[in-house]
N, C-alpha and C. Protein backbone atom coordinates (compact mmCIF):
# COMPACT_ATOMS: atom_id res chain seq x y z
N MET A 1 137.23 -111.77 94.77
CA MET A 1 136.89 -110.37 94.54
C MET A 1 137.14 -110.03 93.07
N LYS A 2 136.20 -109.29 92.50
CA LYS A 2 136.34 -108.87 91.11
C LYS A 2 137.09 -107.55 91.07
N ILE A 3 138.13 -107.51 90.23
CA ILE A 3 139.00 -106.34 90.15
C ILE A 3 138.96 -105.77 88.74
N LEU A 4 138.80 -104.45 88.66
CA LEU A 4 138.84 -103.73 87.40
C LEU A 4 140.03 -102.79 87.39
N VAL A 5 140.77 -102.79 86.30
CA VAL A 5 141.80 -101.78 86.06
C VAL A 5 141.35 -101.00 84.84
N ALA A 6 141.16 -99.70 85.01
CA ALA A 6 140.78 -98.82 83.90
C ALA A 6 141.87 -97.76 83.79
N TYR A 7 142.08 -97.25 82.59
CA TYR A 7 143.16 -96.29 82.41
C TYR A 7 142.86 -95.35 81.25
N LYS A 8 143.52 -94.21 81.29
CA LYS A 8 143.52 -93.27 80.17
C LYS A 8 144.96 -92.85 79.96
N SER A 9 145.45 -93.13 78.78
CA SER A 9 146.86 -92.91 78.49
C SER A 9 147.02 -92.16 77.17
N LYS A 10 147.88 -91.17 77.17
CA LYS A 10 148.11 -90.40 75.93
C LYS A 10 149.30 -90.94 75.15
N THR A 11 150.36 -91.34 75.85
CA THR A 11 151.58 -91.74 75.15
C THR A 11 152.04 -93.16 75.47
N GLY A 12 151.23 -93.90 76.25
CA GLY A 12 151.52 -95.30 76.48
C GLY A 12 152.09 -95.69 77.83
N PHE A 13 152.60 -94.73 78.59
CA PHE A 13 153.22 -95.05 79.88
C PHE A 13 152.17 -95.54 80.89
N THR A 14 151.03 -94.87 80.95
CA THR A 14 149.96 -95.27 81.88
C THR A 14 149.39 -96.62 81.46
N GLU A 15 149.21 -96.82 80.18
CA GLU A 15 148.70 -98.10 79.70
C GLU A 15 149.64 -99.24 80.08
N LYS A 16 150.93 -99.01 79.98
CA LYS A 16 151.91 -100.03 80.34
C LYS A 16 151.75 -100.43 81.81
N TYR A 17 151.64 -99.43 82.70
CA TYR A 17 151.44 -99.73 84.12
C TYR A 17 150.11 -100.45 84.35
N ALA A 18 149.05 -99.99 83.69
CA ALA A 18 147.74 -100.62 83.86
C ALA A 18 147.78 -102.09 83.45
N ARG A 19 148.43 -102.38 82.36
CA ARG A 19 148.54 -103.77 81.89
C ARG A 19 149.34 -104.62 82.87
N TRP A 20 150.43 -104.07 83.39
CA TRP A 20 151.21 -104.82 84.38
C TRP A 20 150.38 -105.11 85.63
N ILE A 21 149.65 -104.11 86.11
CA ILE A 21 148.82 -104.28 87.31
C ILE A 21 147.74 -105.33 87.06
N ALA A 22 147.05 -105.22 85.93
CA ALA A 22 145.98 -106.18 85.60
C ALA A 22 146.54 -107.60 85.50
N GLU A 23 147.69 -107.71 84.91
CA GLU A 23 148.33 -109.03 84.77
C GLU A 23 148.66 -109.62 86.14
N GLU A 24 149.26 -108.83 87.01
CA GLU A 24 149.65 -109.30 88.34
C GLU A 24 148.44 -109.69 89.19
N LEU A 25 147.35 -108.94 89.04
CA LEU A 25 146.17 -109.16 89.87
C LEU A 25 145.11 -110.01 89.18
N LYS A 26 145.39 -110.43 87.95
CA LYS A 26 144.42 -111.21 87.16
C LYS A 26 143.07 -110.45 87.10
N ALA A 27 143.19 -109.18 86.80
CA ALA A 27 142.04 -108.27 86.78
C ALA A 27 141.56 -108.03 85.35
N ASP A 28 140.31 -107.61 85.23
CA ASP A 28 139.81 -107.14 83.94
C ASP A 28 140.42 -105.77 83.68
N ILE A 29 140.68 -105.48 82.42
CA ILE A 29 141.28 -104.19 82.08
C ILE A 29 140.50 -103.56 80.93
N PHE A 30 140.27 -102.24 81.06
CA PHE A 30 139.55 -101.51 80.02
C PHE A 30 140.16 -100.13 79.85
N ASP A 31 140.21 -99.69 78.60
CA ASP A 31 140.54 -98.31 78.29
C ASP A 31 139.40 -97.43 78.82
N TYR A 32 139.74 -96.25 79.25
CA TYR A 32 138.79 -95.27 79.80
C TYR A 32 137.52 -95.13 78.95
N HIS A 33 137.68 -95.13 77.66
CA HIS A 33 136.55 -94.89 76.77
C HIS A 33 135.53 -96.04 76.78
N LYS A 34 135.93 -97.20 77.29
CA LYS A 34 135.03 -98.35 77.33
C LYS A 34 134.42 -98.56 78.71
N VAL A 35 134.69 -97.65 79.64
CA VAL A 35 134.20 -97.81 81.01
C VAL A 35 133.02 -96.87 81.24
N LYS A 36 131.94 -97.46 81.66
CA LYS A 36 130.75 -96.69 82.04
C LYS A 36 130.53 -96.87 83.54
N GLN A 37 129.79 -95.97 84.13
CA GLN A 37 129.53 -96.03 85.57
C GLN A 37 128.92 -97.37 85.97
N SER A 38 128.03 -97.91 85.14
CA SER A 38 127.40 -99.19 85.45
C SER A 38 128.42 -100.32 85.49
N LYS A 39 129.45 -100.21 84.67
CA LYS A 39 130.50 -101.22 84.68
C LYS A 39 131.29 -101.15 85.98
N LEU A 40 131.53 -99.96 86.47
CA LEU A 40 132.27 -99.79 87.72
C LEU A 40 131.58 -100.50 88.87
N GLU A 41 130.26 -100.44 88.88
CA GLU A 41 129.49 -101.00 89.98
C GLU A 41 129.56 -102.53 90.05
N ARG A 42 130.02 -103.19 89.00
CA ARG A 42 130.11 -104.65 88.98
C ARG A 42 131.35 -105.19 89.69
N TYR A 43 132.25 -104.30 90.09
CA TYR A 43 133.53 -104.73 90.65
C TYR A 43 133.64 -104.38 92.12
N ASP A 44 134.43 -105.19 92.84
CA ASP A 44 134.68 -104.95 94.26
C ASP A 44 135.84 -103.98 94.46
N ILE A 45 136.82 -104.08 93.56
CA ILE A 45 138.01 -103.23 93.63
C ILE A 45 138.16 -102.54 92.28
N ILE A 46 138.27 -101.22 92.32
CA ILE A 46 138.41 -100.43 91.09
C ILE A 46 139.74 -99.70 91.16
N ILE A 47 140.56 -99.94 90.15
CA ILE A 47 141.85 -99.27 90.04
C ILE A 47 141.79 -98.42 88.77
N TYR A 48 142.05 -97.13 88.93
CA TYR A 48 142.04 -96.23 87.78
C TYR A 48 143.41 -95.57 87.65
N GLY A 49 143.95 -95.57 86.44
CA GLY A 49 145.22 -94.90 86.17
C GLY A 49 145.05 -93.86 85.09
N GLY A 50 145.62 -92.69 85.33
CA GLY A 50 145.57 -91.63 84.33
C GLY A 50 146.89 -90.89 84.27
N SER A 51 147.24 -90.47 83.09
CA SER A 51 148.46 -89.68 82.96
C SER A 51 148.19 -88.26 83.45
N LEU A 52 149.27 -87.57 83.76
CA LEU A 52 149.14 -86.20 84.27
C LEU A 52 149.17 -85.20 83.12
N HIS A 53 148.33 -84.21 83.25
CA HIS A 53 148.33 -83.06 82.34
C HIS A 53 148.46 -81.86 83.27
N ALA A 54 149.65 -81.28 83.33
CA ALA A 54 150.02 -80.35 84.39
C ALA A 54 149.93 -81.16 85.68
N VAL A 55 149.05 -80.83 86.62
CA VAL A 55 148.90 -81.68 87.81
C VAL A 55 147.56 -82.41 87.79
N GLY A 56 146.79 -82.27 86.71
CA GLY A 56 145.50 -82.94 86.63
C GLY A 56 145.63 -84.36 86.10
N ILE A 57 144.92 -85.28 86.72
CA ILE A 57 144.90 -86.68 86.28
C ILE A 57 143.81 -86.80 85.22
N ILE A 58 144.21 -87.10 83.99
CA ILE A 58 143.21 -87.16 82.92
C ILE A 58 142.23 -88.30 83.16
N GLY A 59 140.96 -88.01 82.96
CA GLY A 59 139.91 -89.00 83.07
C GLY A 59 139.47 -89.36 84.47
N VAL A 60 140.09 -88.80 85.50
CA VAL A 60 139.78 -89.21 86.87
C VAL A 60 138.35 -88.85 87.29
N LYS A 61 137.70 -88.00 86.54
CA LYS A 61 136.33 -87.63 86.89
C LYS A 61 135.38 -88.83 86.84
N ILE A 62 135.74 -89.87 86.09
CA ILE A 62 134.91 -91.06 86.10
C ILE A 62 134.85 -91.66 87.51
N ILE A 63 135.87 -91.43 88.29
CA ILE A 63 135.90 -91.88 89.68
C ILE A 63 135.25 -90.84 90.59
N THR A 64 135.71 -89.61 90.52
CA THR A 64 135.24 -88.59 91.46
C THR A 64 133.75 -88.28 91.28
N GLN A 65 133.26 -88.31 90.05
CA GLN A 65 131.83 -88.02 89.83
C GLN A 65 130.93 -89.18 90.21
N ASN A 66 131.50 -90.36 90.36
CA ASN A 66 130.71 -91.53 90.73
C ASN A 66 131.05 -92.06 92.12
N LEU A 67 131.84 -91.32 92.87
CA LEU A 67 132.33 -91.82 94.14
C LEU A 67 131.21 -92.17 95.12
N ASN A 68 130.13 -91.41 95.10
CA ASN A 68 129.01 -91.72 96.02
C ASN A 68 128.41 -93.09 95.73
N LYS A 69 128.52 -93.56 94.48
CA LYS A 69 128.02 -94.89 94.13
C LYS A 69 129.07 -95.98 94.35
N LEU A 70 130.29 -95.56 94.65
CA LEU A 70 131.40 -96.51 94.79
C LEU A 70 131.91 -96.64 96.22
N LYS A 71 131.23 -96.03 97.16
CA LYS A 71 131.74 -96.00 98.54
C LYS A 71 131.80 -97.38 99.19
N ASP A 72 131.08 -98.35 98.68
CA ASP A 72 131.18 -99.70 99.22
C ASP A 72 132.27 -100.52 98.51
N LYS A 73 132.99 -99.88 97.60
CA LYS A 73 134.08 -100.52 96.84
C LYS A 73 135.42 -100.02 97.38
N LYS A 74 136.47 -100.72 97.03
CA LYS A 74 137.82 -100.23 97.29
C LYS A 74 138.26 -99.52 96.02
N VAL A 75 138.63 -98.25 96.14
CA VAL A 75 138.98 -97.45 94.98
C VAL A 75 140.44 -97.00 95.09
N ILE A 76 141.19 -97.29 94.06
CA ILE A 76 142.61 -96.95 93.99
C ILE A 76 142.81 -96.14 92.71
N VAL A 77 143.56 -95.06 92.82
CA VAL A 77 143.89 -94.25 91.65
C VAL A 77 145.40 -94.10 91.60
N PHE A 78 145.97 -94.30 90.41
CA PHE A 78 147.38 -94.00 90.22
C PHE A 78 147.53 -93.00 89.09
N ALA A 79 148.43 -92.06 89.32
CA ALA A 79 148.74 -91.04 88.32
C ALA A 79 150.14 -91.33 87.79
N VAL A 80 150.33 -91.09 86.51
CA VAL A 80 151.63 -91.34 85.89
C VAL A 80 152.13 -90.04 85.28
N GLY A 81 153.33 -89.65 85.71
CA GLY A 81 153.92 -88.42 85.20
C GLY A 81 155.42 -88.57 85.01
N ALA A 82 156.01 -87.59 84.38
CA ALA A 82 157.44 -87.63 84.11
C ALA A 82 158.27 -87.13 85.29
N SER A 83 157.65 -86.42 86.22
CA SER A 83 158.39 -85.85 87.35
C SER A 83 158.96 -86.95 88.24
N PRO A 84 160.13 -86.69 88.82
CA PRO A 84 160.69 -87.66 89.77
C PRO A 84 159.76 -87.86 90.96
N PHE A 85 159.89 -88.99 91.60
CA PHE A 85 159.08 -89.36 92.76
C PHE A 85 159.52 -88.51 93.94
N ARG A 86 158.73 -87.48 94.26
CA ARG A 86 159.00 -86.61 95.40
C ARG A 86 157.70 -86.39 96.15
N GLN A 87 157.79 -86.36 97.48
CA GLN A 87 156.60 -86.21 98.30
C GLN A 87 155.82 -84.94 97.97
N GLU A 88 156.51 -83.83 97.72
CA GLU A 88 155.79 -82.58 97.42
C GLU A 88 155.03 -82.68 96.09
N VAL A 89 155.58 -83.43 95.12
CA VAL A 89 154.89 -83.64 93.84
C VAL A 89 153.65 -84.48 94.07
N ILE A 90 153.81 -85.57 94.82
CA ILE A 90 152.71 -86.49 95.08
C ILE A 90 151.59 -85.77 95.84
N LYS A 91 151.94 -85.01 96.85
CA LYS A 91 150.96 -84.28 97.65
C LYS A 91 150.19 -83.28 96.78
N LYS A 92 150.92 -82.57 95.94
CA LYS A 92 150.27 -81.57 95.08
C LYS A 92 149.29 -82.23 94.11
N VAL A 93 149.70 -83.33 93.49
CA VAL A 93 148.82 -84.03 92.56
C VAL A 93 147.58 -84.54 93.30
N ARG A 94 147.79 -85.18 94.45
CA ARG A 94 146.66 -85.72 95.23
C ARG A 94 145.70 -84.60 95.63
N ASP A 95 146.25 -83.51 96.19
CA ASP A 95 145.41 -82.43 96.70
C ASP A 95 144.71 -81.64 95.60
N GLU A 96 145.30 -81.56 94.42
CA GLU A 96 144.68 -80.85 93.30
C GLU A 96 143.56 -81.66 92.65
N ASN A 97 143.61 -82.98 92.81
CA ASN A 97 142.65 -83.84 92.13
C ASN A 97 141.53 -84.36 93.03
N PHE A 98 141.78 -84.39 94.35
CA PHE A 98 140.81 -84.97 95.27
C PHE A 98 140.58 -84.07 96.47
N SER A 99 139.31 -83.91 96.83
CA SER A 99 138.96 -83.17 98.05
C SER A 99 139.39 -84.01 99.25
N LYS A 100 139.37 -83.41 100.41
CA LYS A 100 139.71 -84.15 101.65
C LYS A 100 138.77 -85.34 101.82
N GLU A 101 137.49 -85.15 101.56
CA GLU A 101 136.53 -86.25 101.68
C GLU A 101 136.84 -87.36 100.68
N GLU A 102 137.14 -87.00 99.43
CA GLU A 102 137.47 -88.00 98.42
C GLU A 102 138.72 -88.78 98.80
N GLN A 103 139.68 -88.09 99.43
CA GLN A 103 140.92 -88.75 99.83
C GLN A 103 140.67 -89.83 100.89
N GLU A 104 139.57 -89.73 101.62
CA GLU A 104 139.24 -90.75 102.61
C GLU A 104 138.84 -92.06 101.95
N TYR A 105 138.32 -92.00 100.73
CA TYR A 105 137.82 -93.18 100.02
C TYR A 105 138.77 -93.68 98.93
N ILE A 106 139.68 -92.83 98.50
CA ILE A 106 140.55 -93.17 97.39
C ILE A 106 141.97 -93.37 97.89
N LYS A 107 142.53 -94.52 97.59
CA LYS A 107 143.95 -94.79 97.88
C LYS A 107 144.71 -94.31 96.65
N PHE A 108 145.67 -93.41 96.86
CA PHE A 108 146.35 -92.75 95.73
C PHE A 108 147.82 -93.15 95.65
N TYR A 109 148.28 -93.34 94.41
CA TYR A 109 149.69 -93.66 94.14
C TYR A 109 150.18 -92.80 92.96
N TYR A 110 151.46 -92.50 92.99
CA TYR A 110 152.11 -91.81 91.87
C TYR A 110 153.16 -92.74 91.30
N LEU A 111 153.16 -92.91 89.99
CA LEU A 111 154.15 -93.74 89.31
C LEU A 111 154.86 -92.89 88.26
N ARG A 112 156.16 -93.01 88.22
CA ARG A 112 156.92 -92.24 87.23
C ARG A 112 156.83 -92.90 85.87
N GLY A 113 156.46 -92.11 84.88
CA GLY A 113 156.30 -92.61 83.52
C GLY A 113 157.45 -92.19 82.63
N GLY A 114 157.21 -91.20 81.81
CA GLY A 114 158.23 -90.74 80.89
C GLY A 114 157.71 -89.56 80.09
N PHE A 115 158.43 -89.24 79.04
CA PHE A 115 158.03 -88.13 78.18
C PHE A 115 158.43 -88.45 76.75
N ASN A 116 157.45 -88.42 75.85
CA ASN A 116 157.71 -88.63 74.43
C ASN A 116 156.92 -87.58 73.66
N TYR A 117 157.60 -86.50 73.35
CA TYR A 117 156.97 -85.37 72.65
C TYR A 117 156.30 -85.82 71.35
N ASN A 118 156.94 -86.73 70.63
CA ASN A 118 156.44 -87.16 69.32
C ASN A 118 155.10 -87.89 69.39
N LYS A 119 154.77 -88.48 70.52
CA LYS A 119 153.51 -89.22 70.65
C LYS A 119 152.36 -88.36 71.17
N LEU A 120 152.64 -87.12 71.52
CA LEU A 120 151.59 -86.26 72.06
C LEU A 120 150.60 -85.83 70.99
N PRO A 121 149.32 -85.68 71.36
CA PRO A 121 148.34 -85.09 70.44
C PRO A 121 148.74 -83.64 70.11
N LEU A 122 148.25 -83.13 69.00
CA LEU A 122 148.64 -81.81 68.51
C LEU A 122 148.52 -80.71 69.56
N TRP A 123 147.38 -80.63 70.25
CA TRP A 123 147.18 -79.56 71.23
C TRP A 123 148.23 -79.64 72.34
N ASP A 124 148.52 -80.84 72.79
CA ASP A 124 149.54 -81.02 73.84
C ASP A 124 150.93 -80.65 73.32
N LYS A 125 151.19 -80.94 72.06
CA LYS A 125 152.48 -80.55 71.48
C LYS A 125 152.63 -79.02 71.50
N ILE A 126 151.55 -78.34 71.18
CA ILE A 126 151.58 -76.87 71.18
C ILE A 126 151.88 -76.36 72.59
N LEU A 127 151.15 -76.89 73.58
CA LEU A 127 151.38 -76.47 74.97
C LEU A 127 152.80 -76.79 75.43
N MET A 128 153.28 -77.96 75.07
CA MET A 128 154.64 -78.34 75.48
C MET A 128 155.70 -77.52 74.74
N LYS A 129 155.42 -77.10 73.52
CA LYS A 129 156.34 -76.23 72.79
C LYS A 129 156.43 -74.88 73.49
N LEU A 130 155.30 -74.38 73.99
CA LEU A 130 155.31 -73.12 74.75
C LEU A 130 156.14 -73.27 76.02
N LEU A 131 155.98 -74.40 76.71
CA LEU A 131 156.78 -74.65 77.91
C LEU A 131 158.26 -74.73 77.56
N GLN A 132 158.58 -75.38 76.46
CA GLN A 132 159.97 -75.49 76.03
C GLN A 132 160.57 -74.10 75.79
N MET A 133 159.83 -73.24 75.13
CA MET A 133 160.32 -71.88 74.87
C MET A 133 160.52 -71.12 76.18
N LYS A 134 159.60 -71.28 77.13
CA LYS A 134 159.70 -70.63 78.43
C LYS A 134 160.95 -71.12 79.17
N LEU A 135 161.17 -72.43 79.14
CA LEU A 135 162.34 -72.98 79.83
C LEU A 135 163.64 -72.48 79.20
N LYS A 136 163.67 -72.39 77.90
CA LYS A 136 164.89 -71.94 77.21
C LYS A 136 165.24 -70.49 77.55
N ARG A 137 164.23 -69.71 77.96
CA ARG A 137 164.48 -68.31 78.32
C ARG A 137 164.95 -68.14 79.77
N LYS A 138 164.84 -69.19 80.56
CA LYS A 138 165.27 -69.09 81.96
C LYS A 138 166.79 -68.90 82.04
N LYS A 139 167.21 -68.07 82.97
CA LYS A 139 168.65 -67.83 83.16
C LYS A 139 169.31 -69.01 83.87
N ILE A 140 168.62 -69.58 84.86
CA ILE A 140 169.16 -70.70 85.62
C ILE A 140 168.18 -71.86 85.50
N LEU A 141 168.67 -72.98 84.98
CA LEU A 141 167.85 -74.17 84.80
C LEU A 141 168.11 -75.16 85.93
N THR A 142 167.03 -75.72 86.47
CA THR A 142 167.17 -76.78 87.47
C THR A 142 167.53 -78.08 86.74
N PRO A 143 168.00 -79.08 87.47
CA PRO A 143 168.25 -80.38 86.82
C PRO A 143 166.99 -80.94 86.14
N ASP A 144 165.80 -80.73 86.76
CA ASP A 144 164.56 -81.18 86.13
C ASP A 144 164.30 -80.44 84.82
N ASP A 145 164.56 -79.12 84.80
CA ASP A 145 164.40 -78.33 83.58
C ASP A 145 165.29 -78.87 82.47
N LYS A 146 166.55 -79.12 82.81
CA LYS A 146 167.51 -79.64 81.82
C LYS A 146 167.09 -81.00 81.30
N GLY A 147 166.62 -81.84 82.20
CA GLY A 147 166.16 -83.17 81.80
C GLY A 147 164.98 -83.10 80.84
N LEU A 148 164.02 -82.22 81.15
CA LEU A 148 162.86 -82.08 80.29
C LEU A 148 163.26 -81.55 78.92
N LEU A 149 164.13 -80.54 78.88
CA LEU A 149 164.56 -80.00 77.59
C LEU A 149 165.26 -81.08 76.75
N ASN A 150 166.07 -81.91 77.37
CA ASN A 150 166.72 -83.00 76.65
C ASN A 150 165.71 -84.02 76.13
N ALA A 151 164.62 -84.22 76.88
CA ALA A 151 163.62 -85.22 76.51
C ALA A 151 162.83 -84.81 75.26
N TYR A 152 162.84 -83.53 74.90
CA TYR A 152 162.18 -83.12 73.66
C TYR A 152 162.90 -83.75 72.47
N LYS A 153 164.21 -83.90 72.58
CA LYS A 153 165.01 -84.46 71.49
C LYS A 153 165.05 -85.98 71.54
N LYS A 154 165.13 -86.52 72.77
CA LYS A 154 165.25 -87.97 72.94
C LYS A 154 164.26 -88.40 74.02
N PRO A 155 163.19 -89.12 73.62
CA PRO A 155 162.18 -89.54 74.61
C PRO A 155 162.81 -90.30 75.78
N VAL A 156 162.18 -90.17 76.95
CA VAL A 156 162.64 -90.86 78.15
C VAL A 156 161.52 -91.75 78.68
N ASP A 157 161.90 -92.90 79.20
CA ASP A 157 160.94 -93.86 79.75
C ASP A 157 161.48 -94.34 81.09
N PHE A 158 160.79 -93.93 82.17
CA PHE A 158 161.19 -94.31 83.52
C PHE A 158 160.30 -95.42 84.08
N THR A 159 159.41 -95.98 83.24
CA THR A 159 158.54 -97.03 83.75
C THR A 159 159.38 -98.22 84.18
N TRP A 160 158.91 -98.87 85.23
CA TRP A 160 159.58 -100.05 85.77
C TRP A 160 158.52 -100.89 86.45
N LYS A 161 158.46 -102.14 86.12
CA LYS A 161 157.42 -103.00 86.67
C LYS A 161 157.44 -103.03 88.20
N GLY A 162 158.61 -102.88 88.78
CA GLY A 162 158.73 -102.86 90.24
C GLY A 162 157.96 -101.72 90.89
N ASN A 163 157.67 -100.67 90.15
CA ASN A 163 156.92 -99.53 90.69
C ASN A 163 155.48 -99.88 91.08
N ILE A 164 154.96 -100.98 90.53
CA ILE A 164 153.58 -101.35 90.84
C ILE A 164 153.48 -102.21 92.11
N ALA A 165 154.60 -102.59 92.68
CA ALA A 165 154.61 -103.53 93.81
C ALA A 165 153.72 -103.08 94.97
N GLU A 166 153.76 -101.81 95.31
CA GLU A 166 152.98 -101.32 96.44
C GLU A 166 151.47 -101.42 96.16
N ILE A 167 151.08 -101.10 94.93
CA ILE A 167 149.66 -101.20 94.56
C ILE A 167 149.22 -102.67 94.61
N VAL A 168 150.00 -103.53 94.00
CA VAL A 168 149.67 -104.97 93.96
C VAL A 168 149.58 -105.53 95.37
N SER A 169 150.54 -105.19 96.21
CA SER A 169 150.55 -105.67 97.60
C SER A 169 149.31 -105.18 98.36
N TYR A 170 148.97 -103.92 98.17
CA TYR A 170 147.78 -103.36 98.85
C TYR A 170 146.52 -104.12 98.42
N VAL A 171 146.35 -104.32 97.11
CA VAL A 171 145.15 -104.99 96.62
C VAL A 171 145.12 -106.44 97.11
N GLN A 172 146.25 -107.10 97.10
CA GLN A 172 146.29 -108.48 97.59
C GLN A 172 145.94 -108.56 99.06
N SER A 173 146.30 -107.54 99.83
CA SER A 173 145.96 -107.52 101.26
C SER A 173 144.45 -107.37 101.48
N LEU A 174 143.76 -106.76 100.52
CA LEU A 174 142.31 -106.58 100.61
C LEU A 174 141.56 -107.89 100.44
N SER A 175 142.13 -108.76 99.64
CA SER A 175 141.44 -110.02 99.36
C SER A 175 141.97 -111.18 100.21
N ALA A 176 142.83 -110.88 101.16
CA ALA A 176 143.39 -111.94 102.02
C ALA A 176 142.46 -112.24 103.18
């Protein structure tokens, strides 16, 4: 089976996971900008990874807008964000990005990445600066709020190769 791993990464965490997955599965790997719909059709298994922007998976439209052409393929999407692995976070990301029908065709995973303010593009830095100011005005900070505020000063990286095990196992079960 031919496997494609495509990704869109702003600060490197998603790219790191994509490279690990491609390496484990001996898959072809492409940055989002080099993937066209015609390229997707050449593969039996398509794995797409995108970092989160709020709860939106960046670049995932390459999958959702072409899903009708990919229904005979196995499609896996993973999102990478700084939030801890919690079912309510995963459900919200899945439900905000995929309709019920799309969820029937797309196997979804959430992987914890990290946060590096210094690597963000200018517009994202502006948005994150606004969030930082909002958090600083809160009277009571949650542990997640405190962690994020600290990460502005010192980047955090929660990536771990073991996090890809479930995706790798699932894909290997498809070709068994």
